[in-house]
Amino acid sequence: MNYMLLIYRRESPDDPMMTAEQALHACDGLTERLHAAGKHISSGVLQPTCTSTSLRLRDGKRLVTDGPFAETREQLAGYVMVYATDLDDALSIASEHPVAKFGTVEIRPVLALNDFGPAPTG
């Protein structure tokens, strides 16, 4: 089964924008180890929340605001999509992520759209 590891950490006002290379280095080789084990599907680092835009549709009107959807103590900073045999395997993978030591790694099973069966015709 595929699991999404959502990476949360506290942002500081002076957080720099990361390059892909810096993000790989910051993960302390986890991506490479997962790839070698055939468990890495995809991963990415989100730029700081000051770069985000939120969208809501209400009563047919589009409401666009600068900034994140919600104010929280920790911000969503990135994700890792992995293949794990079960939740225990996913927890083991998540425990290797460096952010788990000072932030939070949320683990969610992913229901792929093709798991719903064929698209209706007509």
Foldseek 3Di string as FASTA:
>chain_A
DKKKKWFKAADDPPDDFDDPVVVCVLQVCLQVVQVVVVWFDDKDFDGDQQQDKDWDADPNDIDIDRGDPDDDRIDGTMMTMTDAPDVVRVVVSNVSGPSVVHTDIDMDDDDDPCNVPDDDDD
